[in-house]
N, C-alpha and C. Protein backbone atom coordinates (compact mmCIF):
# COMPACT_ATOMS: atom_id res chain seq x y z
N UNK A 1 106.60 71.46 106.91
CA UNK A 1 106.55 71.88 105.68
C UNK A 1 105.95 73.29 105.23
N UNK A 2 106.69 74.21 106.40
CA UNK A 2 106.06 75.72 106.12
C UNK A 2 106.81 76.27 104.80
N UNK A 3 106.21 77.27 104.40
CA UNK A 3 106.67 77.86 103.30
C UNK A 3 106.21 79.40 103.12
N UNK A 4 106.88 80.05 102.26
CA UNK A 4 106.82 81.35 102.34
C UNK A 4 105.44 81.90 101.84
N UNK A 5 104.70 82.88 102.60
CA UNK A 5 103.31 83.22 101.94
C UNK A 5 103.47 83.99 100.58
N UNK A 6 104.56 84.33 100.02
CA UNK A 6 104.87 84.73 98.68
C UNK A 6 104.57 83.78 97.97
N UNK A 7 104.84 82.22 98.12
CA UNK A 7 104.65 81.54 97.32
C UNK A 7 103.29 81.02 96.81
N UNK A 8 102.48 81.65 97.51
CA UNK A 8 101.14 81.30 97.16
C UNK A 8 100.43 81.64 95.85
N UNK A 9 101.30 82.71 95.27
CA UNK A 9 100.73 83.14 94.02
C UNK A 9 101.09 81.75 92.95
N UNK A 10 102.07 81.25 93.35
CA UNK A 10 102.46 80.07 92.41
C UNK A 10 101.47 78.85 92.41
N UNK A 11 100.58 78.86 93.35
CA UNK A 11 99.66 78.03 93.62
C UNK A 11 98.48 78.16 92.64
N UNK A 12 97.95 76.97 91.93
CA UNK A 12 96.78 77.26 91.47
C UNK A 12 95.44 77.50 92.12
N UNK A 13 95.27 76.62 93.14
CA UNK A 13 94.41 76.84 94.26
C UNK A 13 94.65 76.62 95.54
N UNK A 14 94.59 77.42 96.60
CA UNK A 14 94.86 77.48 98.10
C UNK A 14 93.79 77.00 98.63
N UNK A 15 93.98 75.91 99.40
CA UNK A 15 93.30 75.55 100.76
C UNK A 15 93.54 75.83 101.93
N UNK A 16 92.55 76.48 102.47
CA UNK A 16 92.86 76.92 103.92
C UNK A 16 91.95 76.31 104.86
N UNK A 17 92.56 75.04 105.51
CA UNK A 17 91.71 74.14 106.53
C UNK A 17 91.81 75.09 107.89
N UNK A 18 90.65 75.41 108.37
CA UNK A 18 90.41 76.30 109.36
C UNK A 18 89.33 75.70 110.44
N UNK A 19 89.88 75.99 111.66
CA UNK A 19 89.00 75.43 112.84
C UNK A 19 87.66 75.88 113.06
N UNK A 20 86.49 75.66 113.55
CA UNK A 20 85.42 76.12 113.49
C UNK A 20 85.77 77.42 114.24
N UNK A 21 84.75 78.67 113.81
CA UNK A 21 84.62 79.53 114.59
C UNK A 21 85.80 80.81 114.37
N UNK A 22 86.84 80.53 113.53
CA UNK A 22 87.98 81.42 113.18
C UNK A 22 87.62 82.31 111.98
N UNK A 23 86.65 82.13 111.50
CA UNK A 23 85.98 83.35 110.42
C UNK A 23 86.11 82.80 109.12
N UNK A 24 85.91 81.47 108.62
CA UNK A 24 85.57 81.39 107.13
C UNK A 24 84.68 81.90 106.60
N UNK A 25 83.32 81.87 107.25
CA UNK A 25 82.23 82.34 106.56
C UNK A 25 82.25 84.02 106.46
N UNK A 26 82.88 84.59 107.36
CA UNK A 26 82.85 85.97 107.64
C UNK A 26 84.00 86.39 106.48
N UNK A 27 85.24 85.65 106.50
CA UNK A 27 86.29 85.98 105.36
C UNK A 27 86.05 85.86 103.90
N UNK A 28 84.80 84.86 103.79
CA UNK A 28 84.18 84.53 102.32
C UNK A 28 83.09 85.84 102.11
N UNK A 29 82.53 86.07 103.15
CA UNK A 29 81.47 87.47 102.59
C UNK A 29 82.30 88.80 102.56
N UNK A 30 83.35 88.78 103.23
CA UNK A 30 84.34 90.15 103.14
C UNK A 30 84.67 90.16 101.88
N UNK A 31 85.48 89.17 101.55
CA UNK A 31 86.10 89.11 99.90
C UNK A 31 84.84 89.34 99.15
N UNK A 32 83.80 88.62 99.01
CA UNK A 32 83.16 88.51 97.86
C UNK A 32 82.51 90.07 97.72
N UNK A 33 82.40 90.33 98.88
CA UNK A 33 81.73 92.16 98.93
C UNK A 33 82.45 92.94 98.29
N UNK A 34 84.11 92.57 98.59
CA UNK A 34 85.02 93.58 98.07
C UNK A 34 85.06 93.53 96.77
N UNK A 35 85.16 92.24 96.11
CA UNK A 35 85.37 91.84 94.78
C UNK A 35 84.31 91.10 94.25
N UNK A 36 83.14 92.09 94.08
CA UNK A 36 81.70 91.22 93.87
C UNK A 36 81.75 90.60 92.62
N UNK A 37 82.63 90.90 91.57
CA UNK A 37 82.77 90.10 90.25
C UNK A 37 83.84 89.07 90.47
N UNK A 38 84.30 88.96 91.46
CA UNK A 38 85.15 87.92 91.77
C UNK A 38 84.47 86.57 92.17
N UNK A 39 84.67 85.71 91.32
CA UNK A 39 84.04 84.20 92.14
C UNK A 39 85.20 83.16 92.35
N UNK A 40 86.41 83.71 92.92
CA UNK A 40 87.56 82.94 93.12
C UNK A 40 87.72 82.26 94.47
N UNK A 41 86.72 82.30 95.42
CA UNK A 41 86.73 82.10 96.58
C UNK A 41 85.44 81.00 96.76
N UNK A 42 85.57 79.87 97.67
CA UNK A 42 84.41 79.04 97.85
C UNK A 42 84.61 78.75 99.33
N UNK A 43 83.82 78.72 100.02
CA UNK A 43 83.35 78.27 101.65
C UNK A 43 82.85 76.97 101.56
N UNK A 44 83.64 75.93 101.64
CA UNK A 44 83.25 74.53 101.45
C UNK A 44 82.69 74.00 103.04
N UNK A 45 81.39 74.41 103.32
CA UNK A 45 80.86 74.15 104.75
C UNK A 45 80.44 72.61 105.14
N UNK A 46 81.41 72.10 105.56
CA UNK A 46 81.23 70.53 105.83
C UNK A 46 79.97 70.02 106.35
N UNK A 47 79.18 70.88 106.92
CA UNK A 47 77.90 70.57 107.44
C UNK A 47 76.84 70.28 106.68
N UNK A 48 77.26 70.64 105.41
CA UNK A 48 76.20 70.49 104.19
C UNK A 48 76.57 69.09 103.70
N UNK A 49 77.12 68.35 103.95
CA UNK A 49 77.49 66.86 103.45
C UNK A 49 77.11 66.11 103.92
N UNK A 50 76.43 64.97 103.54
CA UNK A 50 75.93 63.62 103.92
C UNK A 50 77.09 63.12 104.64
N UNK A 51 76.65 62.86 105.92
CA UNK A 51 77.88 62.04 107.00
C UNK A 51 78.18 60.87 106.70
N UNK A 52 77.18 60.00 105.90
CA UNK A 52 77.11 58.54 105.52
C UNK A 52 78.44 58.34 105.03
N UNK A 53 78.99 59.62 104.07
CA UNK A 53 80.24 59.60 103.03
C UNK A 53 81.18 60.06 103.53
N UNK A 54 80.93 60.56 104.58
CA UNK A 54 82.16 61.94 104.80
C UNK A 54 83.22 61.13 105.39
N UNK A 55 84.52 61.50 104.90
CA UNK A 55 84.73 62.79 104.08
C UNK A 55 85.04 62.67 102.86
N UNK A 56 84.73 61.43 102.28
CA UNK A 56 85.24 61.25 101.06
C UNK A 56 84.49 62.06 99.75
N UNK A 57 82.89 62.25 99.92
CA UNK A 57 82.17 63.04 99.39
C UNK A 57 82.70 64.52 99.56
N UNK A 58 83.22 64.93 100.90
CA UNK A 58 83.85 66.21 101.05
C UNK A 58 84.91 66.42 100.02
N UNK A 59 85.83 65.55 100.28
CA UNK A 59 87.19 65.67 99.38
C UNK A 59 86.80 65.57 97.73
N UNK A 60 85.97 64.58 97.45
CA UNK A 60 85.62 64.86 96.07
C UNK A 60 85.15 66.13 95.57
N UNK A 61 84.18 66.87 96.63
CA UNK A 61 83.65 68.17 95.91
C UNK A 61 85.00 69.14 95.90
N UNK A 62 85.99 68.88 96.94
CA UNK A 62 87.29 69.87 96.81
C UNK A 62 87.84 69.71 95.68
N UNK A 63 88.11 68.36 95.26
CA UNK A 63 88.92 68.29 94.05
C UNK A 63 88.33 68.59 92.71
N UNK A 64 86.85 68.65 92.77
CA UNK A 64 86.15 69.13 91.47
C UNK A 64 86.37 70.85 91.59
N UNK A 65 86.26 71.34 93.06
CA UNK A 65 86.27 72.87 93.12
C UNK A 65 87.69 73.48 92.62
N UNK A 66 88.63 72.29 92.57
CA UNK A 66 90.00 73.21 92.46
C UNK A 66 90.47 73.87 91.41
N UNK A 67 89.71 73.48 90.46
CA UNK A 67 89.88 73.84 88.90
C UNK A 67 89.34 75.16 88.77
N UNK A 68 88.17 75.51 89.51
CA UNK A 68 87.42 76.52 89.48
C UNK A 68 87.59 77.78 90.62
N UNK A 69 88.51 77.39 91.60
CA UNK A 69 88.47 78.58 92.58
C UNK A 69 89.91 78.89 92.87
N UNK A 70 90.50 79.99 93.36
CA UNK A 70 91.65 80.17 93.73
C UNK A 70 91.80 79.76 95.10
N UNK A 71 90.93 80.01 95.81
CA UNK A 71 90.69 79.90 97.37
C UNK A 71 89.70 78.83 97.77
N UNK A 72 89.74 77.91 98.76
CA UNK A 72 88.77 77.31 98.88
C UNK A 72 88.95 76.95 100.43
N UNK A 73 87.85 77.51 101.44
CA UNK A 73 87.97 77.24 102.76
C UNK A 73 87.36 76.06 102.91
N UNK A 74 88.45 75.21 103.85
CA UNK A 74 87.74 73.78 104.22
C UNK A 74 87.52 73.64 105.74
N UNK A 75 87.21 72.46 106.24
CA UNK A 75 87.17 72.01 107.46
C UNK A 75 88.43 71.56 108.06
N UNK A 76 88.52 71.59 109.10
CA UNK A 76 89.99 71.31 109.90
C UNK A 76 89.58 69.90 110.29
N UNK A 77 88.38 69.13 110.19
CA UNK A 77 88.38 67.94 110.84
C UNK A 77 89.72 66.94 110.27
N UNK A 78 89.90 66.15 111.48
CA UNK A 78 91.54 65.39 111.17
C UNK A 78 90.99 64.50 109.94
N UNK A 79 89.93 64.08 109.92
CA UNK A 79 89.41 62.90 108.92
C UNK A 79 89.57 63.49 107.21
N UNK A 80 89.34 64.79 107.19
CA UNK A 80 89.71 65.89 105.95
C UNK A 80 90.95 66.07 105.94
N UNK A 81 91.71 66.53 106.79
CA UNK A 81 93.09 66.70 106.49
C UNK A 81 94.12 65.31 106.31
N UNK A 82 93.58 64.38 106.99
CA UNK A 82 94.35 63.17 106.56
C UNK A 82 93.92 62.62 104.93
N UNK A 83 92.59 62.70 104.44
CA UNK A 83 92.50 62.59 103.21
C UNK A 83 92.92 63.69 102.23
N UNK A 84 93.34 64.72 102.79
CA UNK A 84 93.93 65.71 101.79
C UNK A 84 95.55 65.23 101.64
N UNK A 85 96.07 64.87 102.87
CA UNK A 85 97.32 64.35 102.97
C UNK A 85 97.61 62.92 101.88
N UNK A 86 96.58 62.30 101.92
CA UNK A 86 96.68 61.06 101.38
C UNK A 86 96.51 61.15 99.86
N UNK A 87 95.84 62.05 99.50
CA UNK A 87 95.57 62.45 98.04
C UNK A 87 96.67 63.55 97.64
N UNK A 88 97.77 63.80 98.37
CA UNK A 88 98.71 64.75 98.38
C UNK A 88 98.40 66.10 98.01
N UNK A 89 97.05 66.70 98.69
CA UNK A 89 96.85 67.91 98.35
C UNK A 89 97.21 69.30 99.43
N UNK A 90 98.22 69.96 99.10
CA UNK A 90 98.41 70.76 100.49
C UNK A 90 97.27 71.84 100.66
N UNK A 91 97.71 72.26 101.80
CA UNK A 91 96.80 73.00 102.51
C UNK A 91 97.45 73.72 103.40
N UNK A 92 96.79 74.88 104.26
CA UNK A 92 97.42 75.80 105.10
C UNK A 92 96.30 75.48 106.32
N UNK A 93 96.72 75.63 107.54
CA UNK A 93 95.95 75.04 108.67
C UNK A 93 95.93 76.47 110.00
N UNK A 94 94.73 76.96 110.25
CA UNK A 94 94.47 77.98 110.58
C UNK A 94 93.68 77.29 111.90
N UNK A 95 94.14 77.79 113.41
CA UNK A 95 93.41 77.21 114.31
C UNK A 95 93.55 78.05 115.69
N UNK A 96 92.73 78.00 116.83
CA UNK A 96 93.15 79.13 117.80
C UNK A 96 94.10 78.55 118.70
N UNK A 97 94.51 79.08 119.44
CA UNK A 97 95.35 78.59 120.67
C UNK A 97 94.66 77.84 121.80
N UNK A 98 95.18 76.66 122.16
CA UNK A 98 94.33 75.91 123.20
C UNK A 98 93.69 76.62 124.19
N UNK A 99 94.13 77.48 124.64
CA UNK A 99 93.67 78.36 125.92
C UNK A 99 92.51 79.16 125.75
N UNK A 100 92.08 79.07 124.22
CA UNK A 100 91.14 80.09 123.97
C UNK A 100 89.62 79.30 123.92
N UNK A 101 89.75 78.30 124.44
CA UNK A 101 88.48 77.33 124.66
C UNK A 101 87.14 78.31 125.13
N UNK A 102 87.31 78.85 126.22
CA UNK A 102 86.16 79.72 126.58
C UNK A 102 85.64 80.80 125.65
N UNK A 103 86.57 81.37 125.00
CA UNK A 103 86.27 82.45 124.24
C UNK A 103 85.60 82.02 123.00
N UNK A 104 86.21 80.90 122.59
CA UNK A 104 85.44 80.03 121.24
C UNK A 104 83.99 79.71 121.51
N UNK A 105 84.11 78.93 122.77
CA UNK A 105 82.41 78.60 123.25
C UNK A 105 81.60 79.75 123.12
N UNK A 106 82.13 80.98 123.79
CA UNK A 106 81.39 82.04 123.42
C UNK A 106 80.80 82.85 122.07
N UNK A 107 82.01 82.43 121.33
CA UNK A 107 81.75 83.01 119.94
C UNK A 107 80.80 82.04 119.39
N UNK A 108 80.62 80.87 119.69
CA UNK A 108 79.58 79.73 119.03
C UNK A 108 78.44 80.27 119.25
N UNK A 109 78.27 80.57 120.78
CA UNK A 109 76.99 81.16 121.40
C UNK A 109 76.45 82.55 120.59
N UNK A 110 77.53 83.08 120.38
CA UNK A 110 77.20 84.64 119.76
C UNK A 110 76.60 84.30 118.19
N UNK A 111 77.10 83.55 117.32
CA UNK A 111 76.73 83.21 116.22
C UNK A 111 75.48 82.33 116.11
N UNK A 112 74.97 82.05 117.43
CA UNK A 112 73.98 80.98 117.45
C UNK A 112 74.14 79.69 116.79
N UNK A 113 75.14 79.20 117.18
CA UNK A 113 75.58 77.66 116.79
C UNK A 113 74.59 77.10 117.50
N UNK A 114 73.91 75.71 117.17
CA UNK A 114 73.34 74.94 117.64
C UNK A 114 74.16 74.27 119.12
N UNK A 115 73.34 74.25 120.03
CA UNK A 115 73.86 73.43 121.16
C UNK A 115 74.34 72.14 121.13
N UNK A 116 74.05 71.49 120.54
CA UNK A 116 74.70 70.18 120.08
C UNK A 116 76.11 70.60 119.48
N UNK A 117 76.54 71.29 118.50
CA UNK A 117 77.51 71.78 118.01
C UNK A 117 78.32 72.42 118.99
N UNK A 118 78.18 73.24 119.78
CA UNK A 118 78.76 73.50 120.92
C UNK A 118 79.05 72.75 121.83
N UNK A 119 78.36 72.06 122.57
CA UNK A 119 78.84 70.71 123.53
C UNK A 119 79.76 69.95 122.68
N UNK A 120 79.53 69.33 121.49
CA UNK A 120 80.61 68.76 120.74
C UNK A 120 82.23 69.43 120.80
N UNK A 121 82.00 70.88 120.36
CA UNK A 121 83.29 71.52 120.66
C UNK A 121 84.03 71.50 121.97
N UNK A 122 82.82 71.69 122.94
CA UNK A 122 83.37 71.73 124.50
C UNK A 122 83.74 70.38 124.97
N UNK A 123 83.29 69.21 124.63
CA UNK A 123 84.17 68.00 124.85
C UNK A 123 85.22 67.45 124.03
N UNK A 124 85.52 68.08 122.73
CA UNK A 124 86.45 67.50 122.09
C UNK A 124 87.46 68.69 121.71
N UNK A 125 87.49 69.75 122.45
CA UNK A 125 88.36 70.81 122.21
C UNK A 125 89.95 70.60 122.25
N UNK A 126 90.07 69.57 123.42
CA UNK A 126 91.73 69.65 123.58
C UNK A 126 92.26 68.81 122.58
N UNK A 127 91.43 67.79 122.15
CA UNK A 127 91.79 66.78 121.22
C UNK A 127 91.92 67.33 119.96
N UNK A 128 91.03 68.06 119.49
CA UNK A 128 90.99 68.86 118.09
C UNK A 128 92.05 69.61 117.82
N UNK A 129 92.24 70.87 118.93
CA UNK A 129 93.39 71.51 118.90
C UNK A 129 94.90 70.64 119.19
N UNK A 130 94.89 69.37 119.87
CA UNK A 130 96.02 68.78 119.73
C UNK A 130 96.20 68.43 118.09
N UNK A 131 95.08 67.63 117.73
CA UNK A 131 95.38 67.30 116.23
C UNK A 131 95.97 68.27 115.17
N UNK A 132 95.41 69.53 115.68
CA UNK A 132 95.98 70.70 114.71
C UNK A 132 97.75 70.86 114.90
N UNK A 133 97.92 70.96 116.37
CA UNK A 133 99.20 71.07 116.69
C UNK A 133 100.10 69.97 116.35
N UNK A 134 99.95 68.78 116.23
CA UNK A 134 100.44 67.74 115.70
C UNK A 134 100.46 67.51 114.08
N UNK A 135 100.03 68.24 113.50
CA UNK A 135 99.76 68.25 111.73
C UNK A 135 101.20 68.64 111.55
N UNK A 136 101.63 67.85 110.93
CA UNK A 136 103.10 67.60 109.94
C UNK A 136 102.91 68.01 108.57
N UNK A 137 101.84 67.55 108.23
CA UNK A 137 101.61 67.97 106.47
C UNK A 137 101.08 69.40 106.05
N UNK A 138 100.53 69.99 106.82
CA UNK A 138 100.21 71.45 106.61
C UNK A 138 101.24 72.39 105.88
N UNK A 139 101.16 72.96 105.04
CA UNK A 139 102.38 73.80 104.40
C UNK A 139 102.75 74.68 105.25
N UNK A 140 101.46 75.35 105.98
CA UNK A 140 102.14 76.42 106.93
C UNK A 140 100.85 76.57 107.95
N UNK A 141 101.16 76.51 109.36
CA UNK A 141 100.20 76.84 110.48
C UNK A 141 100.14 78.25 110.75
N UNK A 142 98.83 78.55 111.20
CA UNK A 142 98.96 79.95 111.84
C UNK A 142 97.96 79.81 112.87
N UNK A 143 98.53 79.96 114.33
CA UNK A 143 98.07 79.68 115.44
C UNK A 143 97.42 81.43 116.13
N UNK A 144 96.08 81.11 116.18
CA UNK A 144 95.53 82.43 116.37
C UNK A 144 95.74 82.83 117.86
N UNK A 145 95.93 84.05 117.89
CA UNK A 145 95.69 84.61 119.52
C UNK A 145 94.25 85.22 119.89
N UNK A 146 94.17 85.74 120.94
CA UNK A 146 92.88 86.16 121.59
C UNK A 146 92.38 87.36 120.24
N UNK A 147 91.33 87.28 119.88
CA UNK A 147 90.73 88.34 119.20
C UNK A 147 91.09 88.49 117.79
N UNK A 148 91.86 87.65 117.43
CA UNK A 148 92.49 87.23 115.92
C UNK A 148 91.49 86.28 115.31
N UNK A 149 91.40 86.80 113.84
CA UNK A 149 90.55 85.44 112.86
C UNK A 149 91.12 85.55 111.97
N UNK A 150 90.67 84.77 110.78
CA UNK A 150 91.22 84.28 109.47
C UNK A 150 91.56 85.66 109.11
N UNK A 151 90.73 86.49 108.84
CA UNK A 151 90.77 87.98 108.32
C UNK A 151 91.77 88.72 108.80
N UNK A 152 92.25 88.47 109.83
CA UNK A 152 93.54 89.21 110.60
C UNK A 152 94.68 88.89 109.82
N UNK A 153 94.91 87.74 109.09
CA UNK A 153 96.16 87.29 108.41
C UNK A 153 95.58 87.37 106.98
N UNK A 154 94.79 88.04 106.55
CA UNK A 154 94.10 88.16 105.15
C UNK A 154 95.45 88.43 104.23
N UNK A 155 96.15 89.67 104.61
CA UNK A 155 96.73 90.25 103.67
C UNK A 155 98.34 89.12 103.33
N UNK A 156 98.57 88.39 104.65
CA UNK A 156 99.75 87.30 104.20
C UNK A 156 99.18 86.00 103.54
N UNK A 157 98.10 85.50 103.82
CA UNK A 157 97.57 84.32 103.40
C UNK A 157 96.84 84.37 102.09
N UNK A 158 96.19 85.53 101.78
CA UNK A 158 95.40 85.69 100.62
C UNK A 158 95.68 86.72 99.51
N UNK A 159 97.08 86.94 99.33
CA UNK A 159 97.12 87.46 98.00
C UNK A 159 96.95 86.79 96.82
N UNK A 160 96.84 85.47 96.71
CA UNK A 160 96.53 84.82 95.58
C UNK A 160 95.08 85.17 95.01
N UNK A 161 94.46 85.68 95.96
CA UNK A 161 92.89 86.04 95.62
C UNK A 161 92.71 87.22 94.68
N UNK A 162 93.99 87.95 94.96
CA UNK A 162 93.77 89.28 94.08
C UNK A 162 94.53 89.21 93.12
N UNK A 163 95.21 88.22 92.78
CA UNK A 163 95.91 87.94 91.46
C UNK A 163 95.17 87.77 90.40
N UNK A 164 95.22 87.90 89.23
CA UNK A 164 94.75 87.39 88.03
C UNK A 164 94.91 86.19 87.46
């Protein structure tokens, strides 16, 4: 379901499903600092949601936010992507190359992620990357190379943010 990045301007809300450590929060901070009066972006941190009703509560929050934001940065959890697909909510998927495991584990340490989180990623890296690779619903996928972040592709993916 690949689409041209120029079609983003036609979307009311653009969802970016992004793997941990690719720079969702960094991009959010950069865009809101660059455009301080702009409230068109939201970083929806899945760790802030009650796991008893996850991902239903997370998807409900995203759906409520879709009328208020042009860009919503969301989790790449397979359960989240499956629910988005079931609700026919389009998204773009951003994830690192499978060979970047050690570099990403180091990123998690550098940003002071909890040890349990780092261990979880270490144990599930291959499966989680594979689920991204096998995703056929994403409108477009971005496979990040070494030293690339979400912000590296800002000009291609986030033009909707700068549109009125």
